[in-house]
Amino acid sequence: MRAGAIGAVLCALGGLCMIAGLAVDLDSTAAKVLIGLAACLFVPGALLTYVWMRMRIPPL
């Protein structure tokens, strides 16, 4: 359960960073940093969530 919770938290943080990155001026350095951080958080979060789901639901 720990991997699933960590994955969900990372995805949520990535989503918040993406929203914050879109809320600021898109040409600014802050937007680029926030969107890059969103990708760095979302990708591992999605992979951890995927692994957690595959452990719970076996392939057909």
C-alpha atoms as a PDB file:
ATOM      1  CA  MET A   1       0.000   0.000   0.000  1.00  0.00           C
ATOM      2  CA  ARG A   2       2.926   2.326   0.626  1.00  0.00           C
ATOM      3  CA  ALA A   3       3.953   2.467  -3.065  1.00  0.00           C
ATOM      4  CA  GLY A   4       0.404   3.319  -4.083  1.00  0.00           C
ATOM      5  CA  ALA A   5       0.139   6.111  -1.534  1.00  0.00           C
ATOM      6  CA  ILE A   6       3.526   7.562  -2.455  1.00  0.00           C
ATOM      7  CA  GLY A   7       2.622   7.383  -6.142  1.00  0.00           C
ATOM      8  CA  ALA A   8      -0.668   9.167  -5.564  1.00  0.00           C
ATOM      9  CA  VAL A   9       1.007  11.906  -3.528  1.00  0.00           C
ATOM     10  CA  LEU A  10       3.680  12.425  -6.194  1.00  0.00           C
ATOM     11  CA  CYS A  11       0.998  12.667  -8.899  1.00  0.00           C
ATOM     12  CA  ALA A  12      -0.969  15.172  -6.829  1.00  0.00           C
ATOM     13  CA  LEU A  13       2.122  17.303  -6.223  1.00  0.00           C
ATOM     14  CA  GLY A  14       2.950  17.130  -9.916  1.00  0.00           C
ATOM     15  CA  GLY A  15      -0.553  18.282 -10.774  1.00  0.00           C
ATOM     16  CA  LEU A  16      -0.331  21.188  -8.345  1.00  0.00           C
ATOM     17  CA  CYS A  17       3.008  22.237  -9.836  1.00  0.00           C
ATOM     18  CA  MET A  18       1.503  22.082 -13.322  1.00  0.00           C
ATOM     19  CA  ILE A  19      -1.439  24.273 -12.291  1.00  0.00           C
ATOM     20  CA  ALA A  20       0.933  26.735 -10.612  1.00  0.00           C
ATOM     21  CA  GLY A  21       3.147  26.746 -13.706  1.00  0.00           C
ATOM     22  CA  LEU A  22       0.175  27.572 -15.897  1.00  0.00           C
ATOM     23  CA  ALA A  23      -1.032  30.267 -13.495  1.00  0.00           C
ATOM     24  CA  VAL A  24       2.142  32.359 -13.823  1.00  0.00           C
ATOM     25  CA  ASP A  25       3.408  34.067 -16.974  1.00  0.00           C
ATOM     26  CA  LEU A  26       4.242  31.237 -19.377  1.00  0.00           C
ATOM     27  CA  ASP A  27       7.382  32.958 -20.691  1.00  0.00           C
ATOM     28  CA  SER A  28       8.896  33.298 -17.226  1.00  0.00           C
ATOM     29  CA  THR A  29      11.589  31.132 -15.716  1.00  0.00           C
ATOM     30  CA  ALA A  30       9.278  30.259 -12.830  1.00  0.00           C
ATOM     31  CA  ALA A  31       6.786  28.680 -15.219  1.00  0.00           C
ATOM     32  CA  LYS A  32       9.512  26.609 -16.861  1.00  0.00           C
ATOM     33  CA  VAL A  33      10.815  25.446 -13.477  1.00  0.00           C
ATOM     34  CA  LEU A  34       7.335  24.561 -12.202  1.00  0.00           C
ATOM     35  CA  ILE A  35       6.406  22.642 -15.350  1.00  0.00           C
ATOM     36  CA  GLY A  36       9.741  20.796 -15.263  1.00  0.00           C
ATOM     37  CA  LEU A  37       9.189  19.970 -11.605  1.00  0.00           C
ATOM     38  CA  ALA A  38       5.691  18.755 -12.437  1.00  0.00           C
ATOM     39  CA  ALA A  39       7.123  16.306 -14.960  1.00  0.00           C
ATOM     40  CA  CYS A  40       9.787  15.152 -12.497  1.00  0.00           C
ATOM     41  CA  LEU A  41       7.111  14.456  -9.876  1.00  0.00           C
ATOM     42  CA  PHE A  42       4.369  13.087 -12.104  1.00  0.00           C
ATOM     43  CA  VAL A  43       6.372  10.477 -14.032  1.00  0.00           C
ATOM     44  CA  PRO A  44       7.680   8.554 -10.985  1.00  0.00           C
ATOM     45  CA  GLY A  45       4.288   8.934  -9.314  1.00  0.00           C
ATOM     46  CA  ALA A  46       2.529   7.435 -12.310  1.00  0.00           C
ATOM     47  CA  LEU A  47       5.032   4.578 -12.494  1.00  0.00           C
ATOM     48  CA  LEU A  48       4.685   3.796  -8.779  1.00  0.00           C
ATOM     49  CA  THR A  49       0.904   3.855  -9.075  1.00  0.00           C
ATOM     50  CA  TYR A  50       1.098   1.557 -12.115  1.00  0.00           C
ATOM     51  CA  VAL A  51       3.334  -0.920 -10.247  1.00  0.00           C
ATOM     52  CA  TRP A  52       1.006  -0.855  -7.252  1.00  0.00           C
ATOM     53  CA  MET A  53      -2.020  -1.552  -9.467  1.00  0.00           C
ATOM     54  CA  ARG A  54      -0.238  -4.389 -11.297  1.00  0.00           C
ATOM     55  CA  MET A  55       0.547  -6.037  -7.950  1.00  0.00           C
ATOM     56  CA  ARG A  56      -3.142  -5.879  -7.002  1.00  0.00           C
ATOM     57  CA  ILE A  57      -4.689  -6.732 -10.389  1.00  0.00           C
ATOM     58  CA  PRO A  58      -2.849  -9.439 -12.328  1.00  0.00           C
ATOM     59  CA  PRO A  59      -2.802  -9.386 -16.133  1.00  0.00           C
ATOM     60  CA  LEU A  60      -5.545 -11.301 -17.924  1.00  0.00           C
END
